Structure formats: C-alpha cells, structure tokens
Amino acid sequence: MMESKNNRRSFLKMAITAVALAPVIKVSSALAAAMPKSQKIKDKMIGEKKIKMLKYVPNAAEAKKLKAAGNKSYKKYNEGDNCGNCRFYTADKKEPEWGKCTMAARQYVSASGWCKSYSKKK
C-alpha cells in the first residue's frame, strides 16, 4: 500500500514539473534556433560593448517597438530596415542569416537585426 502512494506522489510531482517547464523549454528551443550553428560565428558575434554603442538589436522588430515607445536612439528606424539590406553588412556564405558588419568591427550580426548606423544598400 505504501508503495502505491509513493508512486502516485512521484508521478504527480513529475507531471507538475513537466507542465511548469513546458514554457521554458519552448523559449529555450526558440533561442537555440535563433543562434548561429557555426562555432566560428558564435566566437565572433558582436560584443556587449559594441551592442550598447551602436544600439544594436538582434531583431529589427525590437527597434520598431523602441521607436514607437519614444526612444530617441531608434528614431532613424524605418519599416523594412534590417542588417540584411544594410550597406555595412556582408552575409556569411554558409549561414546567410548571419554576416559581418563593418560598423561592428567585422563581427557577426543577425541579418534581421538593426543598429543606429544602418544605411540602406544602393
């Protein structure tokens, strides 16, 4: 009798834990999908100092929200602007969603990102 109580209790604990962790697992898998696959790119991604200096965001949608909120650092953002169509961006051949940025000292940035140095390709 004691054994069945422990089994039910253990099962309930595991079930509650699984339900609680489901959103965390979903978010972490989304973040993993957004990260570059190549270790070379991971090692040369834009650094924290340059992120702050350039007001870089990895997704241009964030710049849109910040502009709408009145943040003056993002006033230059226009719909459709992103690193992928910036003149300072050069896509990586193996992972085209990542590329080197001249303004970020040739470090890697996301093609869907944006920074205050954005300049449309001609």
N, C-alpha and C. Protein backbone atom coordinates (compact mmCIF):
# COMPACT_ATOMS: atom_id res chain seq x y z
N MET A 1 0.82 -1.18 0.00
CA MET A 1 0.00 0.00 0.00
C MET A 1 0.88 1.26 0.00
N MET A 2 1.90 1.25 0.77
CA MET A 2 2.79 2.38 0.88
C MET A 2 3.49 2.66 -0.45
N GLU A 3 3.80 1.61 -1.18
CA GLU A 3 4.49 1.74 -2.44
C GLU A 3 3.62 2.46 -3.48
N SER A 4 2.34 2.19 -3.52
CA SER A 4 1.46 2.83 -4.50
C SER A 4 1.29 4.32 -4.18
N LYS A 5 1.29 4.70 -2.92
CA LYS A 5 1.20 6.12 -2.56
C LYS A 5 2.44 6.86 -3.07
N ASN A 6 3.59 6.27 -2.89
CA ASN A 6 4.83 6.89 -3.35
C ASN A 6 4.85 7.00 -4.87
N ASN A 7 4.34 6.00 -5.54
CA ASN A 7 4.31 6.05 -6.99
C ASN A 7 3.39 7.15 -7.48
N ARG A 8 2.22 7.27 -6.89
CA ARG A 8 1.30 8.33 -7.29
C ARG A 8 1.87 9.70 -6.98
N ARG A 9 2.45 9.82 -5.81
CA ARG A 9 3.05 11.09 -5.41
C ARG A 9 4.20 11.46 -6.35
N SER A 10 5.04 10.51 -6.67
CA SER A 10 6.15 10.76 -7.60
C SER A 10 5.63 11.14 -8.97
N PHE A 11 4.60 10.44 -9.42
CA PHE A 11 4.02 10.75 -10.73
C PHE A 11 3.46 12.18 -10.75
N LEU A 12 2.73 12.55 -9.71
CA LEU A 12 2.16 13.90 -9.65
C LEU A 12 3.26 14.97 -9.63
N LYS A 13 4.32 14.72 -8.89
CA LYS A 13 5.44 15.67 -8.84
C LYS A 13 6.06 15.84 -10.23
N MET A 14 6.26 14.72 -10.92
CA MET A 14 6.85 14.80 -12.26
C MET A 14 5.91 15.50 -13.24
N ALA A 15 4.61 15.23 -13.13
CA ALA A 15 3.64 15.85 -14.04
C ALA A 15 3.59 17.36 -13.82
N ILE A 16 3.58 17.79 -12.58
CA ILE A 16 3.55 19.23 -12.28
C ILE A 16 4.83 19.90 -12.76
N THR A 17 5.95 19.24 -12.56
CA THR A 17 7.24 19.78 -13.02
C THR A 17 7.25 19.90 -14.54
N ALA A 18 6.75 18.90 -15.23
CA ALA A 18 6.73 18.93 -16.70
C ALA A 18 5.86 20.07 -17.21
N VAL A 19 4.71 20.28 -16.59
CA VAL A 19 3.82 21.37 -17.01
C VAL A 19 4.49 22.73 -16.74
N ALA A 20 5.17 22.84 -15.62
CA ALA A 20 5.83 24.10 -15.27
C ALA A 20 7.01 24.40 -16.20
N LEU A 21 7.70 23.38 -16.67
CA LEU A 21 8.87 23.58 -17.52
C LEU A 21 8.55 23.72 -19.00
N ALA A 22 7.35 23.40 -19.41
CA ALA A 22 6.99 23.44 -20.83
C ALA A 22 7.27 24.81 -21.46
N PRO A 23 6.86 25.93 -20.87
CA PRO A 23 7.16 27.23 -21.50
C PRO A 23 8.66 27.52 -21.56
N VAL A 24 9.40 27.10 -20.56
CA VAL A 24 10.84 27.32 -20.53
C VAL A 24 11.51 26.57 -21.67
N ILE A 25 11.09 25.34 -21.88
CA ILE A 25 11.66 24.52 -22.95
C ILE A 25 11.33 25.14 -24.30
N LYS A 26 10.13 25.64 -24.47
CA LYS A 26 9.72 26.27 -25.72
C LYS A 26 10.56 27.51 -26.02
N VAL A 27 10.78 28.36 -25.02
CA VAL A 27 11.57 29.57 -25.19
C VAL A 27 13.03 29.23 -25.49
N SER A 28 13.58 28.27 -24.77
CA SER A 28 14.98 27.94 -24.99
C SER A 28 15.20 27.32 -26.36
N SER A 29 14.23 26.56 -26.87
CA SER A 29 14.39 26.00 -28.21
C SER A 29 14.28 27.09 -29.26
N ALA A 30 13.46 28.10 -29.02
CA ALA A 30 13.37 29.23 -29.95
C ALA A 30 14.68 30.02 -29.96
N LEU A 31 15.27 30.21 -28.80
CA LEU A 31 16.55 30.91 -28.73
C LEU A 31 17.65 30.11 -29.41
N ALA A 32 17.63 28.81 -29.24
CA ALA A 32 18.64 27.96 -29.88
C ALA A 32 18.50 28.03 -31.40
N ALA A 33 17.29 28.10 -31.90
CA ALA A 33 17.07 28.20 -33.34
C ALA A 33 17.57 29.53 -33.87
N ALA A 34 17.53 30.58 -33.04
CA ALA A 34 17.97 31.90 -33.47
C ALA A 34 19.49 32.05 -33.44
N MET A 35 20.17 31.17 -32.74
CA MET A 35 21.62 31.23 -32.64
C MET A 35 22.26 30.65 -33.88
N PRO A 36 23.43 31.15 -34.26
CA PRO A 36 24.13 30.58 -35.41
C PRO A 36 24.60 29.17 -35.11
N LYS A 37 24.69 28.36 -36.16
CA LYS A 37 25.12 26.98 -35.99
C LYS A 37 26.64 26.87 -35.94
N SER A 38 27.33 27.73 -36.63
CA SER A 38 28.77 27.69 -36.75
C SER A 38 29.46 28.23 -35.50
N GLN A 39 30.42 27.51 -35.00
CA GLN A 39 31.19 27.96 -33.83
C GLN A 39 32.00 29.20 -34.19
N LYS A 40 32.47 29.29 -35.43
CA LYS A 40 33.24 30.45 -35.89
C LYS A 40 32.40 31.72 -35.73
N ILE A 41 31.14 31.63 -36.11
CA ILE A 41 30.26 32.80 -35.99
C ILE A 41 29.98 33.11 -34.52
N LYS A 42 29.72 32.09 -33.73
CA LYS A 42 29.46 32.29 -32.29
C LYS A 42 30.64 33.00 -31.62
N ASP A 43 31.85 32.59 -32.01
CA ASP A 43 33.05 33.18 -31.40
C ASP A 43 33.27 34.63 -31.81
N LYS A 44 32.76 35.03 -32.97
CA LYS A 44 32.99 36.38 -33.47
C LYS A 44 31.72 37.21 -33.52
N MET A 45 30.73 36.86 -32.69
CA MET A 45 29.49 37.65 -32.65
C MET A 45 29.75 39.00 -32.00
N ILE A 46 28.92 39.96 -32.34
CA ILE A 46 29.05 41.32 -31.82
C ILE A 46 29.13 41.30 -30.29
N GLY A 47 30.05 42.09 -29.77
CA GLY A 47 30.27 42.13 -28.33
C GLY A 47 29.34 43.10 -27.62
N GLU A 48 29.22 42.91 -26.33
CA GLU A 48 28.34 43.72 -25.48
C GLU A 48 28.64 45.22 -25.60
N LYS A 49 29.91 45.58 -25.66
CA LYS A 49 30.30 46.99 -25.74
C LYS A 49 29.79 47.63 -27.04
N LYS A 50 29.95 46.92 -28.14
CA LYS A 50 29.51 47.45 -29.44
C LYS A 50 27.98 47.45 -29.55
N ILE A 51 27.33 46.49 -28.91
CA ILE A 51 25.87 46.46 -28.89
C ILE A 51 25.34 47.75 -28.28
N LYS A 52 25.90 48.14 -27.16
CA LYS A 52 25.47 49.36 -26.49
C LYS A 52 25.81 50.61 -27.31
N MET A 53 27.02 50.62 -27.87
CA MET A 53 27.47 51.78 -28.62
C MET A 53 26.62 51.99 -29.88
N LEU A 54 26.30 50.91 -30.58
CA LEU A 54 25.54 51.01 -31.83
C LEU A 54 24.03 50.92 -31.63
N LYS A 55 23.59 50.68 -30.39
CA LYS A 55 22.16 50.48 -30.10
C LYS A 55 21.61 49.32 -30.93
N TYR A 56 22.45 48.28 -31.11
CA TYR A 56 22.09 47.12 -31.91
C TYR A 56 21.02 46.27 -31.23
N VAL A 57 20.06 45.83 -32.02
CA VAL A 57 19.06 44.86 -31.56
C VAL A 57 19.08 43.69 -32.55
N PRO A 58 19.02 42.45 -32.07
CA PRO A 58 19.12 41.30 -32.97
C PRO A 58 17.90 41.10 -33.87
N ASN A 59 16.81 41.80 -33.57
CA ASN A 59 15.61 41.71 -34.39
C ASN A 59 15.08 43.13 -34.60
N ALA A 60 14.93 43.53 -35.85
CA ALA A 60 14.50 44.90 -36.17
C ALA A 60 13.13 45.23 -35.59
N ALA A 61 12.32 44.21 -35.31
CA ALA A 61 11.00 44.45 -34.70
C ALA A 61 11.16 45.12 -33.33
N GLU A 62 12.26 44.82 -32.64
CA GLU A 62 12.54 45.46 -31.35
C GLU A 62 12.80 46.96 -31.55
N ALA A 63 13.52 47.30 -32.62
CA ALA A 63 13.80 48.71 -32.91
C ALA A 63 12.49 49.44 -33.19
N LYS A 64 11.58 48.78 -33.89
CA LYS A 64 10.28 49.36 -34.20
C LYS A 64 9.51 49.67 -32.92
N LYS A 65 9.52 48.71 -31.97
CA LYS A 65 8.83 48.90 -30.69
C LYS A 65 9.47 50.03 -29.89
N LEU A 66 10.80 50.06 -29.87
CA LEU A 66 11.51 51.10 -29.12
C LEU A 66 11.25 52.48 -29.72
N LYS A 67 11.19 52.57 -31.05
CA LYS A 67 10.88 53.84 -31.70
C LYS A 67 9.47 54.28 -31.34
N ALA A 68 8.52 53.33 -31.38
CA ALA A 68 7.13 53.64 -31.04
C ALA A 68 6.99 54.09 -29.59
N ALA A 69 7.87 53.57 -28.73
CA ALA A 69 7.84 53.94 -27.32
C ALA A 69 8.49 55.31 -27.06
N GLY A 70 9.06 55.91 -28.11
CA GLY A 70 9.65 57.23 -27.96
C GLY A 70 11.14 57.24 -27.66
N ASN A 71 11.80 56.11 -27.79
CA ASN A 71 13.24 56.05 -27.53
C ASN A 71 13.97 56.75 -28.69
N LYS A 72 14.65 57.83 -28.40
CA LYS A 72 15.28 58.65 -29.43
C LYS A 72 16.43 57.94 -30.15
N SER A 73 17.03 56.94 -29.52
CA SER A 73 18.13 56.20 -30.16
C SER A 73 17.65 55.42 -31.38
N TYR A 74 16.36 55.19 -31.48
CA TYR A 74 15.81 54.37 -32.56
C TYR A 74 14.93 55.19 -33.52
N LYS A 75 15.04 56.51 -33.47
CA LYS A 75 14.19 57.36 -34.31
C LYS A 75 14.51 57.21 -35.80
N LYS A 76 15.71 56.77 -36.14
CA LYS A 76 16.13 56.61 -37.53
C LYS A 76 15.54 55.35 -38.17
N TYR A 77 15.02 54.43 -37.35
CA TYR A 77 14.48 53.17 -37.88
C TYR A 77 13.25 53.43 -38.76
N ASN A 78 13.20 52.75 -39.90
CA ASN A 78 12.04 52.78 -40.79
C ASN A 78 11.61 51.34 -41.08
N GLU A 79 10.35 51.15 -41.35
CA GLU A 79 9.81 49.82 -41.65
C GLU A 79 10.63 49.18 -42.78
N GLY A 80 11.03 47.94 -42.58
CA GLY A 80 11.79 47.21 -43.59
C GLY A 80 13.30 47.32 -43.45
N ASP A 81 13.78 48.22 -42.61
CA ASP A 81 15.23 48.35 -42.38
C ASP A 81 15.70 47.16 -41.55
N ASN A 82 16.80 46.53 -41.97
CA ASN A 82 17.45 45.49 -41.18
C ASN A 82 18.87 45.31 -41.68
N CYS A 83 19.67 44.61 -40.92
CA CYS A 83 21.08 44.43 -41.28
C CYS A 83 21.23 43.77 -42.65
N GLY A 84 20.32 42.88 -43.00
CA GLY A 84 20.41 42.18 -44.28
C GLY A 84 20.40 43.09 -45.48
N ASN A 85 19.79 44.28 -45.37
CA ASN A 85 19.79 45.21 -46.50
C ASN A 85 20.57 46.50 -46.19
N CYS A 86 21.55 46.37 -45.30
CA CYS A 86 22.42 47.50 -44.94
C CYS A 86 23.72 47.41 -45.74
N ARG A 87 24.27 48.55 -46.11
CA ARG A 87 25.50 48.55 -46.91
C ARG A 87 26.72 48.09 -46.13
N PHE A 88 26.66 48.08 -44.81
CA PHE A 88 27.80 47.66 -43.99
C PHE A 88 27.81 46.15 -43.71
N TYR A 89 26.78 45.45 -44.15
CA TYR A 89 26.58 44.02 -43.84
C TYR A 89 27.04 43.15 -45.00
N THR A 90 27.80 42.09 -44.69
CA THR A 90 28.21 41.09 -45.67
C THR A 90 27.80 39.72 -45.15
N ALA A 91 26.87 39.07 -45.83
CA ALA A 91 26.35 37.77 -45.38
C ALA A 91 27.42 36.69 -45.42
N ASP A 92 27.34 35.78 -44.47
CA ASP A 92 28.22 34.62 -44.44
C ASP A 92 27.73 33.62 -45.49
N LYS A 93 28.63 33.00 -46.23
CA LYS A 93 28.22 32.08 -47.30
C LYS A 93 27.54 30.82 -46.77
N LYS A 94 28.00 30.32 -45.64
CA LYS A 94 27.43 29.09 -45.08
C LYS A 94 26.16 29.33 -44.29
N GLU A 95 26.07 30.48 -43.64
CA GLU A 95 24.88 30.84 -42.85
C GLU A 95 24.46 32.26 -43.23
N PRO A 96 23.66 32.40 -44.30
CA PRO A 96 23.31 33.73 -44.80
C PRO A 96 22.48 34.58 -43.84
N GLU A 97 21.90 33.97 -42.79
CA GLU A 97 21.15 34.77 -41.82
C GLU A 97 22.08 35.46 -40.82
N TRP A 98 23.38 35.25 -40.97
CA TRP A 98 24.40 35.91 -40.16
C TRP A 98 25.45 36.50 -41.08
N GLY A 99 26.03 37.62 -40.70
CA GLY A 99 27.06 38.22 -41.52
C GLY A 99 27.92 39.19 -40.74
N LYS A 100 29.02 39.58 -41.38
CA LYS A 100 29.94 40.53 -40.76
C LYS A 100 29.47 41.96 -41.02
N CYS A 101 29.66 42.79 -40.01
CA CYS A 101 29.26 44.20 -40.12
C CYS A 101 30.50 45.08 -39.97
N THR A 102 30.70 45.96 -40.93
CA THR A 102 31.83 46.88 -40.89
C THR A 102 31.76 47.79 -39.67
N MET A 103 30.56 48.25 -39.33
CA MET A 103 30.39 49.16 -38.20
C MET A 103 30.63 48.47 -36.85
N ALA A 104 30.50 47.15 -36.83
CA ALA A 104 30.73 46.38 -35.60
C ALA A 104 32.11 45.72 -35.63
N ALA A 105 33.06 46.36 -36.29
CA ALA A 105 34.44 45.87 -36.37
C ALA A 105 34.50 44.47 -36.98
N ARG A 106 33.71 44.25 -38.04
CA ARG A 106 33.68 42.98 -38.79
C ARG A 106 33.27 41.79 -37.92
N GLN A 107 32.53 42.06 -36.87
CA GLN A 107 31.99 40.98 -36.06
C GLN A 107 30.64 40.58 -36.64
N TYR A 108 30.16 39.38 -36.27
CA TYR A 108 28.91 38.87 -36.83
C TYR A 108 27.68 39.46 -36.15
N VAL A 109 26.68 39.77 -36.98
CA VAL A 109 25.38 40.24 -36.52
C VAL A 109 24.30 39.46 -37.26
N SER A 110 23.10 39.51 -36.75
CA SER A 110 21.97 38.83 -37.37
C SER A 110 21.47 39.66 -38.56
N ALA A 111 21.11 38.98 -39.66
CA ALA A 111 20.58 39.67 -40.84
C ALA A 111 19.27 40.38 -40.51
N SER A 112 18.56 39.89 -39.50
CA SER A 112 17.28 40.51 -39.13
C SER A 112 17.45 41.60 -38.06
N GLY A 113 18.70 41.90 -37.70
CA GLY A 113 18.96 42.91 -36.68
C GLY A 113 18.92 44.33 -37.23
N TRP A 114 19.22 45.30 -36.38
CA TRP A 114 19.26 46.71 -36.77
C TRP A 114 20.12 47.47 -35.76
N CYS A 115 20.79 48.53 -36.24
CA CYS A 115 21.51 49.43 -35.34
C CYS A 115 21.40 50.86 -35.86
N LYS A 116 21.83 51.81 -35.06
CA LYS A 116 21.68 53.22 -35.42
C LYS A 116 22.58 53.63 -36.58
N SER A 117 23.54 52.80 -36.96
CA SER A 117 24.42 53.10 -38.10
C SER A 117 23.87 52.58 -39.42
N TYR A 118 22.64 52.07 -39.39
CA TYR A 118 22.04 51.49 -40.58
C TYR A 118 22.07 52.48 -41.76
N SER A 119 22.45 51.95 -42.92
CA SER A 119 22.45 52.74 -44.16
C SER A 119 22.03 51.80 -45.29
N LYS A 120 20.96 52.09 -45.95
CA LYS A 120 20.40 51.22 -46.98
C LYS A 120 21.40 51.01 -48.12
N LYS A 121 21.49 49.74 -48.59
CA LYS A 121 22.34 49.42 -49.75
C LYS A 121 21.83 50.16 -50.97
N LYS A 122 22.76 50.58 -51.81
CA LYS A 122 22.37 51.29 -53.04
C LYS A 122 22.46 50.39 -54.22
